[in-house]
N, C-alpha and C. Protein backbone atom coordinates (compact mmCIF):
# COMPACT_ATOMS: atom_id res chain seq x y z
N MET A 1 -26.60 -37.85 -74.85
CA MET A 1 -26.12 -38.83 -73.89
C MET A 1 -27.25 -39.67 -73.55
N SER A 2 -26.99 -40.98 -73.49
CA SER A 2 -28.02 -41.94 -73.22
C SER A 2 -28.34 -41.95 -71.71
N ARG A 3 -29.54 -42.47 -71.49
CA ARG A 3 -30.04 -42.60 -70.02
C ARG A 3 -29.10 -43.25 -69.20
N SER A 4 -28.45 -44.37 -69.67
CA SER A 4 -27.61 -45.24 -68.81
C SER A 4 -26.27 -44.43 -68.45
N ALA A 5 -25.91 -43.61 -69.46
CA ALA A 5 -24.70 -42.73 -69.29
C ALA A 5 -24.98 -41.59 -68.24
N ALA A 6 -26.18 -41.01 -68.36
CA ALA A 6 -26.63 -40.03 -67.46
C ALA A 6 -26.71 -40.46 -66.03
N ALA A 7 -27.10 -41.74 -65.84
CA ALA A 7 -27.32 -42.37 -64.50
C ALA A 7 -26.15 -42.90 -64.11
N GLY A 8 -25.04 -42.98 -64.77
CA GLY A 8 -23.77 -43.54 -64.35
C GLY A 8 -23.76 -45.01 -64.29
N SER A 9 -24.67 -45.61 -64.92
CA SER A 9 -24.83 -47.05 -65.00
C SER A 9 -23.70 -47.63 -65.91
N SER A 10 -23.17 -48.77 -65.50
CA SER A 10 -22.24 -49.49 -66.41
C SER A 10 -22.90 -50.55 -67.02
N GLY A 11 -22.55 -50.66 -68.36
CA GLY A 11 -23.23 -51.74 -69.26
C GLY A 11 -24.55 -51.50 -69.52
N GLY A 12 -25.29 -52.51 -69.95
CA GLY A 12 -26.58 -52.30 -70.33
C GLY A 12 -27.67 -52.69 -69.26
N ASP A 13 -27.41 -52.47 -68.04
CA ASP A 13 -28.21 -52.94 -66.94
C ASP A 13 -29.38 -51.92 -66.76
N ASP A 14 -30.52 -52.25 -67.42
CA ASP A 14 -31.75 -51.35 -67.39
C ASP A 14 -32.44 -51.35 -65.99
N LYS A 15 -32.15 -52.53 -65.19
CA LYS A 15 -32.71 -52.42 -63.70
C LYS A 15 -32.21 -51.26 -62.89
N ALA A 16 -31.03 -50.81 -63.26
CA ALA A 16 -30.47 -49.68 -62.42
C ALA A 16 -31.23 -48.38 -62.73
N LEU A 17 -31.95 -48.36 -63.80
CA LEU A 17 -32.66 -47.06 -64.16
C LEU A 17 -34.10 -47.04 -63.83
N THR A 18 -34.69 -48.13 -63.20
CA THR A 18 -36.04 -48.13 -62.81
C THR A 18 -36.15 -48.44 -61.39
N THR A 19 -37.22 -47.97 -60.78
CA THR A 19 -37.52 -48.27 -59.34
C THR A 19 -38.33 -49.64 -59.24
N ALA A 20 -38.62 -50.06 -58.06
CA ALA A 20 -39.50 -51.34 -57.95
C ALA A 20 -40.84 -51.28 -58.62
N ASP A 21 -41.36 -50.08 -58.69
CA ASP A 21 -42.71 -49.92 -59.35
C ASP A 21 -42.56 -49.68 -60.80
N GLY A 22 -41.38 -49.75 -61.39
CA GLY A 22 -41.19 -49.58 -62.89
C GLY A 22 -40.98 -48.15 -63.38
N GLN A 23 -40.93 -47.29 -62.47
CA GLN A 23 -40.73 -45.84 -62.80
C GLN A 23 -39.22 -45.65 -63.07
N SER A 24 -38.86 -44.80 -64.04
CA SER A 24 -37.58 -44.44 -64.33
C SER A 24 -36.93 -43.58 -63.34
N GLN A 25 -35.68 -43.75 -62.89
CA GLN A 25 -35.03 -43.03 -61.80
C GLN A 25 -34.52 -41.59 -62.39
N ILE A 26 -34.56 -41.50 -63.74
CA ILE A 26 -34.12 -40.28 -64.29
C ILE A 26 -35.32 -39.67 -65.14
N ILE A 27 -35.54 -38.32 -64.94
CA ILE A 27 -36.62 -37.65 -65.67
C ILE A 27 -35.98 -36.52 -66.38
N GLN A 28 -36.71 -36.09 -67.48
CA GLN A 28 -36.28 -34.83 -67.99
C GLN A 28 -37.00 -33.61 -67.53
N VAL A 29 -36.36 -32.57 -67.13
CA VAL A 29 -36.98 -31.37 -66.67
C VAL A 29 -36.45 -30.19 -67.55
N CYS A 30 -37.51 -29.47 -68.00
CA CYS A 30 -37.21 -28.26 -68.71
C CYS A 30 -37.29 -27.05 -67.91
N VAL A 31 -36.27 -26.11 -68.02
CA VAL A 31 -36.17 -24.86 -67.30
C VAL A 31 -36.50 -23.72 -68.43
N LYS A 32 -37.57 -22.98 -68.20
CA LYS A 32 -37.87 -22.08 -69.32
C LYS A 32 -37.65 -20.61 -68.63
N SER A 33 -36.90 -19.70 -69.43
CA SER A 33 -36.57 -18.43 -68.88
C SER A 33 -37.78 -17.47 -69.28
N GLN A 34 -37.70 -16.24 -68.80
CA GLN A 34 -38.76 -15.30 -69.02
C GLN A 34 -38.80 -14.85 -70.55
N ASP A 35 -37.65 -14.98 -71.26
CA ASP A 35 -37.74 -14.65 -72.71
C ASP A 35 -38.06 -15.76 -73.57
N GLY A 36 -38.43 -16.93 -73.00
CA GLY A 36 -38.93 -18.07 -73.71
C GLY A 36 -37.78 -19.09 -73.99
N ASN A 37 -36.51 -18.86 -73.75
CA ASN A 37 -35.54 -19.89 -73.91
C ASN A 37 -35.69 -21.12 -73.07
N LYS A 38 -35.41 -22.26 -73.52
CA LYS A 38 -35.54 -23.50 -72.72
C LYS A 38 -34.29 -24.29 -72.57
N VAL A 39 -34.00 -24.88 -71.54
CA VAL A 39 -32.76 -25.77 -71.31
C VAL A 39 -33.40 -26.95 -70.69
N VAL A 40 -33.05 -28.12 -71.27
CA VAL A 40 -33.54 -29.45 -70.77
C VAL A 40 -32.49 -30.14 -69.99
N TYR A 41 -32.76 -30.61 -68.83
CA TYR A 41 -31.87 -31.47 -67.90
C TYR A 41 -32.35 -32.86 -67.66
N ASN A 42 -31.53 -33.81 -67.64
CA ASN A 42 -31.85 -35.00 -67.05
C ASN A 42 -31.40 -35.11 -65.73
N ILE A 43 -32.35 -35.31 -64.85
CA ILE A 43 -31.97 -35.46 -63.35
C ILE A 43 -32.51 -36.64 -62.74
N LYS A 44 -31.94 -37.12 -61.70
CA LYS A 44 -32.36 -38.21 -60.93
C LYS A 44 -33.43 -37.78 -60.03
N ARG A 45 -34.41 -38.73 -59.81
CA ARG A 45 -35.66 -38.39 -59.03
C ARG A 45 -35.22 -38.05 -57.54
N ASN A 46 -34.15 -38.66 -57.14
CA ASN A 46 -33.82 -38.40 -55.67
C ASN A 46 -32.77 -37.29 -55.52
N ALA A 47 -32.36 -36.59 -56.51
CA ALA A 47 -31.46 -35.51 -56.44
C ALA A 47 -32.09 -34.20 -55.98
N LYS A 48 -31.53 -33.46 -55.17
CA LYS A 48 -32.06 -32.26 -54.72
C LYS A 48 -32.11 -31.22 -55.87
N LEU A 49 -33.11 -30.43 -56.02
CA LEU A 49 -33.29 -29.57 -57.17
C LEU A 49 -32.36 -28.39 -57.08
N ILE A 50 -31.67 -28.20 -55.96
CA ILE A 50 -30.66 -27.12 -55.93
C ILE A 50 -29.48 -27.27 -57.03
N LYS A 51 -29.21 -28.60 -57.26
CA LYS A 51 -28.30 -28.86 -58.27
C LYS A 51 -28.68 -28.38 -59.63
N LEU A 52 -29.86 -28.61 -59.99
CA LEU A 52 -30.49 -28.12 -61.25
C LEU A 52 -30.53 -26.61 -61.33
N MET A 53 -30.86 -25.99 -60.27
CA MET A 53 -30.88 -24.63 -60.12
C MET A 53 -29.52 -23.90 -60.27
N HIS A 54 -28.52 -24.55 -59.73
CA HIS A 54 -27.11 -24.00 -59.82
C HIS A 54 -26.61 -24.17 -61.22
N ALA A 55 -26.90 -25.35 -61.80
CA ALA A 55 -26.48 -25.66 -63.14
C ALA A 55 -27.05 -24.73 -64.13
N TYR A 56 -28.37 -24.37 -64.00
CA TYR A 56 -29.05 -23.42 -64.87
C TYR A 56 -28.43 -21.99 -64.70
N CYS A 57 -28.22 -21.62 -63.51
CA CYS A 57 -27.61 -20.25 -63.18
C CYS A 57 -26.20 -20.16 -63.85
N ARG A 58 -25.52 -21.22 -63.68
CA ARG A 58 -24.10 -21.11 -64.21
C ARG A 58 -24.12 -21.13 -65.71
N LYS A 59 -24.98 -21.87 -66.36
CA LYS A 59 -25.11 -21.90 -67.86
C LYS A 59 -25.55 -20.45 -68.35
N LYS A 60 -26.50 -19.76 -67.65
CA LYS A 60 -27.03 -18.48 -68.07
C LYS A 60 -26.29 -17.36 -67.49
N GLN A 61 -25.34 -17.65 -66.71
CA GLN A 61 -24.46 -16.64 -65.99
C GLN A 61 -25.36 -15.69 -65.12
N LEU A 62 -26.17 -16.33 -64.28
CA LEU A 62 -27.14 -15.64 -63.37
C LEU A 62 -26.61 -15.92 -61.95
N ASP A 63 -26.88 -14.92 -61.11
CA ASP A 63 -26.74 -15.04 -59.70
C ASP A 63 -28.03 -15.74 -59.23
N ILE A 64 -27.81 -16.92 -58.50
CA ILE A 64 -28.98 -17.73 -58.13
C ILE A 64 -29.84 -16.98 -57.08
N HIS A 65 -29.31 -15.83 -56.44
CA HIS A 65 -30.14 -15.06 -55.43
C HIS A 65 -31.08 -14.09 -56.24
N THR A 66 -30.84 -13.98 -57.44
CA THR A 66 -31.65 -12.84 -58.19
C THR A 66 -32.78 -13.49 -59.00
N VAL A 67 -32.85 -14.86 -59.02
CA VAL A 67 -34.01 -15.56 -59.75
C VAL A 67 -34.79 -16.39 -58.87
N ARG A 68 -35.99 -16.77 -59.24
CA ARG A 68 -36.89 -17.60 -58.59
C ARG A 68 -37.32 -18.68 -59.57
N PHE A 69 -37.46 -19.87 -59.13
CA PHE A 69 -37.94 -21.01 -59.93
C PHE A 69 -39.28 -21.34 -59.54
N ILE A 70 -40.22 -21.43 -60.56
CA ILE A 70 -41.69 -21.65 -60.39
C ILE A 70 -42.16 -22.86 -61.00
N TYR A 71 -42.88 -23.68 -60.36
CA TYR A 71 -43.46 -24.90 -60.93
C TYR A 71 -44.88 -24.87 -60.60
N GLU A 72 -45.89 -24.86 -61.57
CA GLU A 72 -47.27 -24.74 -61.40
C GLU A 72 -47.69 -23.73 -60.42
N GLY A 73 -47.05 -22.62 -60.57
CA GLY A 73 -47.56 -21.45 -59.76
C GLY A 73 -46.91 -21.39 -58.34
N HIS A 74 -46.17 -22.26 -58.03
CA HIS A 74 -45.49 -22.35 -56.60
C HIS A 74 -43.92 -22.24 -56.81
N ARG A 75 -43.36 -21.59 -55.87
CA ARG A 75 -41.87 -21.50 -55.80
C ARG A 75 -41.17 -22.75 -55.52
N VAL A 76 -40.16 -23.10 -56.22
CA VAL A 76 -39.48 -24.43 -56.10
C VAL A 76 -38.36 -24.10 -55.12
N HIS A 77 -38.30 -24.86 -54.05
CA HIS A 77 -37.09 -24.61 -53.13
C HIS A 77 -36.04 -25.81 -53.44
N GLY A 78 -34.78 -25.42 -53.34
CA GLY A 78 -33.76 -26.36 -53.73
C GLY A 78 -33.59 -27.49 -52.83
N LYS A 79 -34.18 -27.46 -51.61
CA LYS A 79 -33.93 -28.53 -50.70
C LYS A 79 -34.81 -29.74 -50.96
N TYR A 80 -35.75 -29.71 -51.94
CA TYR A 80 -36.59 -30.71 -52.27
C TYR A 80 -36.02 -31.51 -53.54
N THR A 81 -36.58 -32.70 -53.70
CA THR A 81 -36.30 -33.54 -54.86
C THR A 81 -37.36 -33.54 -55.87
N SER A 82 -37.17 -33.99 -57.00
CA SER A 82 -38.29 -34.09 -57.96
C SER A 82 -39.37 -34.93 -57.52
N ASP A 83 -39.02 -36.08 -56.79
CA ASP A 83 -40.05 -36.98 -56.27
C ASP A 83 -40.91 -36.30 -55.19
N GLN A 84 -40.33 -35.51 -54.39
CA GLN A 84 -41.09 -34.73 -53.34
C GLN A 84 -42.04 -33.80 -53.92
N LEU A 85 -41.67 -33.25 -55.04
CA LEU A 85 -42.60 -32.22 -55.69
C LEU A 85 -43.43 -32.97 -56.79
N ASN A 86 -43.34 -34.22 -56.85
CA ASN A 86 -44.16 -34.97 -57.84
C ASN A 86 -43.97 -34.51 -59.29
N LEU A 87 -42.73 -34.19 -59.63
CA LEU A 87 -42.43 -33.72 -61.02
C LEU A 87 -42.49 -34.94 -61.94
N GLU A 88 -43.10 -34.73 -62.97
CA GLU A 88 -43.26 -35.81 -63.98
C GLU A 88 -42.18 -35.57 -65.11
N ASP A 89 -41.97 -36.74 -65.74
CA ASP A 89 -40.97 -36.67 -66.90
C ASP A 89 -41.48 -35.60 -67.90
N GLY A 90 -40.67 -34.64 -68.31
CA GLY A 90 -41.01 -33.42 -69.15
C GLY A 90 -41.63 -32.34 -68.45
N ALA A 91 -41.60 -32.20 -67.12
CA ALA A 91 -41.96 -31.10 -66.40
C ALA A 91 -41.27 -29.83 -66.76
N GLU A 92 -42.02 -28.59 -66.72
CA GLU A 92 -41.46 -27.43 -66.99
C GLU A 92 -41.37 -26.56 -65.83
N ILE A 93 -40.16 -26.05 -65.56
CA ILE A 93 -39.99 -25.15 -64.48
C ILE A 93 -39.64 -23.75 -65.01
N CYS A 94 -40.31 -22.71 -64.56
CA CYS A 94 -40.01 -21.39 -65.10
C CYS A 94 -39.05 -20.68 -64.13
N CYS A 95 -38.10 -19.96 -64.81
CA CYS A 95 -37.06 -19.09 -64.12
C CYS A 95 -37.47 -17.73 -64.32
N MET A 96 -37.73 -17.01 -63.08
CA MET A 96 -38.19 -15.56 -63.21
C MET A 96 -37.09 -14.77 -62.35
N PHE A 97 -37.01 -13.53 -62.86
CA PHE A 97 -36.19 -12.57 -61.98
C PHE A 97 -36.94 -12.13 -60.86
N HIS A 98 -36.29 -12.13 -59.63
CA HIS A 98 -36.84 -11.66 -58.39
C HIS A 98 -37.11 -10.21 -58.48
N GLN A 99 -38.20 -9.77 -58.04
CA GLN A 99 -38.45 -8.25 -58.11
C GLN A 99 -39.05 -7.93 -56.68
N SER A 100 -38.43 -7.00 -56.12
CA SER A 100 -38.80 -6.47 -54.69
C SER A 100 -39.58 -5.10 -54.95
N GLY A 101 -40.53 -4.90 -54.16
CA GLY A 101 -41.27 -3.57 -54.12
C GLY A 101 -42.17 -3.43 -55.28
N GLY A 102 -42.53 -2.21 -55.54
CA GLY A 102 -43.46 -1.92 -56.54
C GLY A 102 -45.00 -2.08 -56.18
N GLY A 103 -45.25 -2.45 -55.02
CA GLY A 103 -46.59 -2.79 -54.67
C GLY A 103 -47.25 -1.69 -53.79
N VAL A 104 -46.46 -0.65 -53.35
CA VAL A 104 -46.96 0.44 -52.47
C VAL A 104 -47.21 1.59 -53.30
N CYS A 105 -48.41 2.21 -52.97
CA CYS A 105 -48.72 3.54 -53.82
C CYS A 105 -48.96 4.51 -52.77
N SER A 106 -48.23 5.59 -52.81
CA SER A 106 -48.45 6.69 -51.86
C SER A 106 -49.39 7.65 -52.38
N MET A 107 -50.55 7.95 -51.69
CA MET A 107 -51.44 8.99 -52.09
C MET A 107 -51.50 10.11 -51.11
N PRO A 108 -51.78 11.29 -51.52
CA PRO A 108 -51.80 12.39 -50.69
C PRO A 108 -53.01 12.28 -49.65
N LYS A 109 -52.69 12.75 -48.39
CA LYS A 109 -53.76 12.67 -47.38
C LYS A 109 -55.00 13.61 -47.76
N ILE A 110 -56.19 13.10 -47.78
CA ILE A 110 -57.29 14.06 -48.02
C ILE A 110 -57.73 14.62 -46.76
N THR A 111 -57.80 16.00 -46.77
CA THR A 111 -58.37 16.66 -45.64
C THR A 111 -59.69 17.35 -46.01
N SER A 112 -60.28 17.87 -45.01
CA SER A 112 -61.63 18.55 -45.30
C SER A 112 -61.50 19.71 -46.21
N ALA A 113 -60.35 20.25 -46.36
CA ALA A 113 -60.25 21.53 -47.13
C ALA A 113 -60.41 21.11 -48.55
N PHE A 114 -60.17 19.93 -49.01
CA PHE A 114 -60.42 19.38 -50.42
C PHE A 114 -61.83 19.12 -50.76
N ILE A 115 -62.52 18.94 -49.69
CA ILE A 115 -63.98 18.40 -49.98
C ILE A 115 -64.96 19.46 -50.20
């Protein structure tokens, strides 16, 4: 799909695809799963990332509440846009399964009888 088609632009109007400072309004973002599979999306800079997150979960048949999206070591929240997170064209977001627990280790209480 061409960039103009992805942006919903009619005709060959390239001005609709760039901002005043010459930046493209559409960027490519790659979502990488834990098993190494990658899915590439073309998204608008001002679109909320929750759209990308839902699209990825629908494609992979995942419950959005069971996964976390990570960019440069930080969790990605769907309320933000790619501009707000300063995502560059070609950015890679990792999709990880959420894991609760596993961090507490119970040890027997040591008393003077053992010393």
